[in-house]
């Protein structure tokens, strides 16, 4: 069941989209919403040479920044008060370097994190650390709202499951079970990767597994393609699916995550909400 929904709030125009989707999901599942906001503290200067402004100017700047933070937090609290169900507002005073660990910890005690697509041309690193920390540090599902039509709430009665015989895809299906049970149509989409390994048996087993949970699913084989994400998006449009379920793939390089191509494409270009899990 989905009973605790975490939503990332940063004081930007994107907050309204995230709140609308989180509220809709909370109403569907009878869930509690936890707003997550980070008040980023300034880093300590590396050397005295960084202080090139007068002390009074610096104090004025800090006062203005504090006032702006209070205004943002007050506006977010007022907006959350208009939610249909129960909610809480969590603020963390921390440095930018501490954000990923806090996100991972918070998401581990939630059922779902609602975010916007973290990458786009104008803002290539928009909230990327939030999404990556949740995906690869929590084991929970991340509900990604598409870039276009941010306030559009499409029905979730048709769901496309991007399947491959992997731990990541299996966990995504597990995280999506509350949605799959409510859907009137579930489609298992399989792309021919051109490898000797045949996913045919695992697809049939997934179909049988879902049936044991009372979910009737159909299988769609999308053929061989070099652009798996594009094939999934095309199938989403053809079937009028309102949601994509997919595993998130990547590996850690020191403190940075290098995402798989399909994962990054979904995070960047998904035309409908996508639930991803690692």
Protein backbone atom coordinates (compact mmCIF):
# COMPACT_ATOMS: atom_id res chain seq x y z
CA UNK A 1 0.00 0.00 0.00
CA UNK A 2 0.99 3.61 -0.47
CA UNK A 3 0.45 5.40 2.83
CA UNK A 4 3.35 7.88 2.98
CA UNK A 5 4.17 10.15 0.04
CA UNK A 6 7.25 12.35 0.07
CA UNK A 7 7.27 15.43 -2.16
CA UNK A 8 10.31 17.58 -2.90
CA UNK A 9 9.65 21.32 -2.45
CA UNK A 10 12.19 24.00 -3.30
CA UNK A 11 10.20 27.23 -3.48
CA UNK A 12 10.19 27.32 -7.29
CA UNK A 13 7.26 27.35 -9.73
CA UNK A 14 7.68 23.56 -10.03
CA UNK A 15 6.31 23.10 -6.51
CA UNK A 16 2.70 23.54 -7.61
CA UNK A 17 2.99 20.69 -10.12
CA UNK A 18 4.59 18.38 -7.56
CA UNK A 19 1.98 19.24 -4.92
CA UNK A 20 -0.94 18.70 -7.30
CA UNK A 21 0.30 15.24 -8.29
CA UNK A 22 1.18 14.28 -4.70
CA UNK A 23 -2.27 15.39 -3.55
CA UNK A 24 -3.98 13.38 -6.28
CA UNK A 25 -1.98 10.28 -5.35
CA UNK A 26 -2.68 10.79 -1.64
CA UNK A 27 -6.42 10.99 -2.31
CA UNK A 28 -6.27 7.82 -4.44
CA UNK A 29 -4.43 5.81 -1.81
CA UNK A 30 -5.52 7.47 1.43
CA UNK A 31 -1.94 8.54 2.08
CA UNK A 32 -0.15 11.11 4.23
CA UNK A 33 2.03 13.72 2.46
CA UNK A 34 5.42 14.77 3.77
CA UNK A 35 6.82 17.95 2.21
CA UNK A 36 10.62 17.96 2.08
CA UNK A 37 12.38 21.34 1.91
CA UNK A 38 16.10 22.13 2.16
CA UNK A 39 17.41 25.38 3.56
CA UNK A 40 20.93 25.33 2.16
CA UNK A 41 23.47 26.88 4.50
CA UNK A 42 26.47 28.77 3.11
CA UNK A 43 29.71 26.85 3.06
CA UNK A 44 32.60 28.09 5.17
CA UNK A 45 35.04 30.17 3.07
CA UNK A 46 38.19 28.45 1.89
CA UNK A 47 40.33 31.48 2.65
CA UNK A 48 40.07 35.06 3.84
CA UNK A 49 40.48 36.23 0.24
CA UNK A 50 36.84 35.23 -0.37
CA UNK A 51 35.74 38.15 1.81
CA UNK A 52 36.01 41.01 -0.64
CA UNK A 53 32.89 42.83 0.60
CA UNK A 54 32.56 44.95 3.68
CA UNK A 55 31.25 43.31 6.82
CA UNK A 56 28.10 45.43 6.91
CA UNK A 57 27.29 44.54 3.31
CA UNK A 58 27.70 40.86 4.13
CA UNK A 59 25.43 41.17 7.19
CA UNK A 60 22.78 42.87 5.06
CA UNK A 61 22.99 40.11 2.46
CA UNK A 62 22.55 37.45 5.15
CA UNK A 63 19.51 39.25 6.59
CA UNK A 64 17.88 39.46 3.17
CA UNK A 65 18.57 35.78 2.51
CA UNK A 66 17.05 34.84 5.88
CA UNK A 67 13.94 36.93 5.16
CA UNK A 68 13.55 35.29 1.75
CA UNK A 69 13.85 31.82 3.29
CA UNK A 70 11.11 32.64 5.80
CA UNK A 71 8.84 33.90 3.02
CA UNK A 72 9.37 30.72 0.97
CA UNK A 73 8.74 28.45 3.94
CA UNK A 74 5.62 30.36 4.96
CA UNK A 75 4.23 30.16 1.41
CA UNK A 76 4.89 26.41 1.27
CA UNK A 77 3.21 25.81 4.62
CA UNK A 78 0.16 27.81 3.52
CA UNK A 79 -0.01 25.82 0.27
CA UNK A 80 0.19 22.50 2.09
CA UNK A 81 -2.65 23.62 4.37
CA UNK A 82 -4.93 23.51 1.31
CA UNK A 83 -4.28 19.80 0.72
CA UNK A 84 -7.23 17.47 0.97
CA UNK A 85 -5.61 15.11 3.47
CA UNK A 86 -3.07 14.92 6.30
CA UNK A 87 0.39 16.34 5.73
CA UNK A 88 3.61 17.47 7.40
CA UNK A 89 6.32 19.96 6.42
CA UNK A 90 9.94 18.98 7.04
CA UNK A 91 12.67 21.62 6.74
CA UNK A 92 16.34 20.73 6.87
CA UNK A 93 19.03 23.33 7.51
CA UNK A 94 22.04 21.77 5.85
CA UNK A 95 24.84 22.22 3.35
CA UNK A 96 24.43 21.16 -0.27
CA UNK A 97 26.79 18.23 0.34
CA UNK A 98 24.47 16.85 3.05
CA UNK A 99 21.32 16.81 0.87
CA UNK A 100 21.75 13.37 -0.80
CA UNK A 101 22.15 11.51 2.50
CA UNK A 102 19.10 13.24 4.00
CA UNK A 103 17.01 12.48 0.90
CA UNK A 104 17.97 8.80 0.99
CA UNK A 105 17.15 8.52 4.70
CA UNK A 106 13.81 10.31 4.35
CA UNK A 107 12.75 8.29 1.30
CA UNK A 108 13.48 4.99 3.06
CA UNK A 109 10.61 5.75 5.45
CA UNK A 110 8.16 6.73 2.69
CA UNK A 111 6.43 4.70 0.00
CA UNK A 112 7.00 7.10 -2.86
CA UNK A 113 8.86 10.32 -3.71
CA UNK A 114 7.24 12.80 -6.12
CA UNK A 115 9.64 14.88 -8.25
CA UNK A 116 9.78 16.73 -11.57
CA UNK A 117 11.99 15.54 -14.42
CA UNK A 118 15.45 16.42 -13.05
CA UNK A 119 17.22 17.11 -16.34
CA UNK A 120 16.37 19.56 -19.09
CA UNK A 121 18.24 21.80 -21.54
CA UNK A 122 17.72 25.03 -19.62
CA UNK A 123 18.52 23.42 -16.25
CA UNK A 124 20.58 20.26 -16.86
CA UNK A 125 21.09 19.59 -13.14
CA UNK A 126 17.69 20.57 -11.77
CA UNK A 127 17.28 18.58 -8.55
CA UNK A 128 19.37 15.77 -10.00
CA UNK A 129 20.96 15.05 -6.61
CA UNK A 130 17.48 14.65 -5.10
CA UNK A 131 16.34 12.13 -7.70
CA UNK A 132 19.57 10.15 -7.81
CA UNK A 133 19.82 9.94 -4.01
CA UNK A 134 16.26 8.60 -3.80
CA UNK A 135 16.64 6.19 -6.70
CA UNK A 136 19.95 4.66 -5.73
CA UNK A 137 19.97 5.17 -1.97
CA UNK A 138 16.49 4.30 -0.75
CA UNK A 139 15.16 1.22 -2.56
CA UNK A 140 11.83 3.04 -2.96
CA UNK A 141 9.94 4.18 -6.02
CA UNK A 142 10.31 7.66 -7.50
CA UNK A 143 7.27 9.16 -9.24
CA UNK A 144 8.56 11.45 -11.99
CA UNK A 145 6.27 14.14 -13.38
CA UNK A 146 6.89 14.96 -17.07
CA UNK A 147 8.20 18.31 -18.25
CA UNK A 148 5.22 19.17 -20.44
CA UNK A 149 1.75 19.93 -19.08
CA UNK A 150 2.95 19.99 -15.45
CA UNK A 151 -0.54 20.48 -14.02
CA UNK A 152 -2.21 17.93 -16.29
CA UNK A 153 -3.38 14.92 -14.30
CA UNK A 154 -3.83 12.05 -16.77
CA UNK A 155 -5.81 8.99 -15.67
CA UNK A 156 -3.66 6.11 -14.45
CA UNK A 157 -6.02 3.37 -15.63
CA UNK A 158 -3.61 2.15 -18.34
CA UNK A 159 -0.04 1.41 -17.25
CA UNK A 160 2.92 0.41 -19.41
CA UNK A 161 5.52 -1.79 -17.70
CA UNK A 162 8.94 -1.68 -19.37
CA UNK A 163 10.17 -5.19 -18.66
CA UNK A 164 13.57 -6.79 -18.78
CA UNK A 165 14.76 -9.76 -16.74
CA UNK A 166 16.58 -7.73 -14.09
CA UNK A 167 16.49 -6.90 -10.39
CA UNK A 168 15.77 -3.25 -11.18
CA UNK A 169 12.71 -4.01 -13.32
CA UNK A 170 11.44 -6.48 -10.72
CA UNK A 171 11.73 -3.89 -7.95
CA UNK A 172 9.95 -1.31 -10.10
CA UNK A 173 7.03 -3.73 -10.54
CA UNK A 174 6.96 -4.33 -6.78
CA UNK A 175 6.94 -0.61 -6.02
CA UNK A 176 4.18 -0.09 -8.61
CA UNK A 177 1.86 -2.85 -7.35
CA UNK A 178 -0.62 -0.43 -5.69
CA UNK A 179 -0.99 1.32 -9.07
CA UNK A 180 -1.14 -1.90 -11.08
CA UNK A 181 -3.93 -3.28 -8.90
CA UNK A 182 -6.03 -0.17 -9.50
CA UNK A 183 -5.41 -0.04 -13.27
CA UNK A 184 -7.98 -1.33 -15.72
CA UNK A 185 -5.27 -2.23 -18.26
CA UNK A 186 -1.65 -3.29 -17.73
CA UNK A 187 0.73 -3.73 -20.67
CA UNK A 188 4.08 -5.49 -20.38
CA UNK A 189 6.37 -3.97 -23.04
CA UNK A 190 9.45 -5.93 -24.10
CA UNK A 191 12.12 -4.58 -26.43
CA UNK A 192 14.32 -6.99 -28.38
CA UNK A 193 17.86 -6.03 -27.31
CA UNK A 194 19.45 -8.24 -29.94
CA UNK A 195 21.23 -10.40 -27.36
CA UNK A 196 21.28 -14.21 -27.13
CA UNK A 197 19.36 -14.05 -23.84
CA UNK A 198 15.66 -14.56 -24.47
CA UNK A 199 13.32 -12.68 -22.10
CA UNK A 200 10.37 -14.75 -23.29
CA UNK A 201 10.23 -17.02 -20.26
CA UNK A 202 10.64 -14.18 -17.75
CA UNK A 203 7.87 -12.20 -19.48
CA UNK A 204 5.51 -15.17 -19.20
CA UNK A 205 6.47 -15.60 -15.56
CA UNK A 206 5.78 -11.89 -14.91
CA UNK A 207 2.37 -12.25 -16.57
CA UNK A 208 1.63 -15.26 -14.34
CA UNK A 209 2.94 -13.47 -11.24
CA UNK A 210 0.72 -10.45 -11.86
CA UNK A 211 -2.27 -12.76 -12.41
CA UNK A 212 -1.68 -14.24 -8.95
CA UNK A 213 -2.13 -10.71 -7.63
CA UNK A 214 -5.38 -10.31 -9.53
CA UNK A 215 -3.82 -8.24 -12.32
CA UNK A 216 -4.51 -9.20 -15.93
CA UNK A 217 -1.68 -8.04 -18.19
CA UNK A 218 -1.08 -8.17 -21.92
CA UNK A 219 2.34 -8.53 -23.56
CA UNK A 220 3.58 -6.21 -26.33
CA UNK A 221 6.83 -7.07 -28.11
CA UNK A 222 8.30 -3.88 -29.55
CA UNK A 223 10.95 -5.47 -31.77
CA UNK A 224 14.60 -4.58 -32.06
CA UNK A 225 15.60 -0.92 -31.80
CA UNK A 226 18.61 1.22 -30.95
CA UNK A 227 16.43 3.72 -29.12
CA UNK A 228 14.60 1.80 -26.43
CA UNK A 229 13.20 4.88 -24.69
CA UNK A 230 11.71 6.20 -27.94
CA UNK A 231 10.06 2.82 -28.57
CA UNK A 232 8.55 2.89 -25.08
CA UNK A 233 7.29 6.45 -25.57
CA UNK A 234 5.73 5.50 -28.92
CA UNK A 235 3.98 2.53 -27.33
CA UNK A 236 2.80 4.78 -24.50
CA UNK A 237 1.17 7.07 -27.04
CA UNK A 238 -0.36 4.18 -29.02
CA UNK A 239 -1.91 2.58 -25.97
CA UNK A 240 -2.77 5.90 -24.30
CA UNK A 241 -0.99 4.76 -21.18
CA UNK A 242 -1.08 7.24 -18.32
CA UNK A 243 2.01 5.92 -16.57
CA UNK A 244 5.28 4.11 -17.30
CA UNK A 245 6.89 1.68 -14.84
CA UNK A 246 10.60 1.00 -15.36
CA UNK A 247 13.74 -0.05 -13.58
CA UNK A 248 16.41 2.59 -13.03
CA UNK A 249 19.90 1.58 -14.11
CA UNK A 250 23.22 3.15 -13.24
CA UNK A 251 26.43 2.74 -11.31
CA UNK A 252 28.30 4.88 -8.82
CA UNK A 253 31.54 6.61 -9.72
CA UNK A 254 32.81 7.86 -6.36
CA UNK A 255 29.94 10.13 -5.16
CA UNK A 256 28.35 10.60 -8.60
CA UNK A 257 25.88 8.32 -10.34
CA UNK A 258 26.35 7.50 -14.01
CA UNK A 259 22.88 6.73 -15.33
CA UNK A 260 22.03 4.21 -18.01
CA UNK A 261 20.89 5.72 -21.30
CA UNK A 262 17.27 4.54 -21.09
CA UNK A 263 17.01 5.69 -17.46
CA UNK A 264 18.28 9.15 -18.30
CA UNK A 265 15.98 9.38 -21.34
CA UNK A 266 12.95 8.53 -19.21
CA UNK A 267 13.99 11.06 -16.56
CA UNK A 268 14.48 13.66 -19.28
CA UNK A 269 11.75 13.04 -21.82
CA UNK A 270 8.96 10.91 -20.34
CA UNK A 271 5.63 12.08 -21.83
CA UNK A 272 3.58 10.76 -18.88
CA UNK A 273 4.30 10.19 -15.20
CA UNK A 274 6.89 7.46 -14.71
CA UNK A 275 7.54 5.31 -11.67
CA UNK A 276 11.17 4.25 -11.50
CA UNK A 277 12.98 2.09 -8.96
CA UNK A 278 16.48 0.68 -8.64
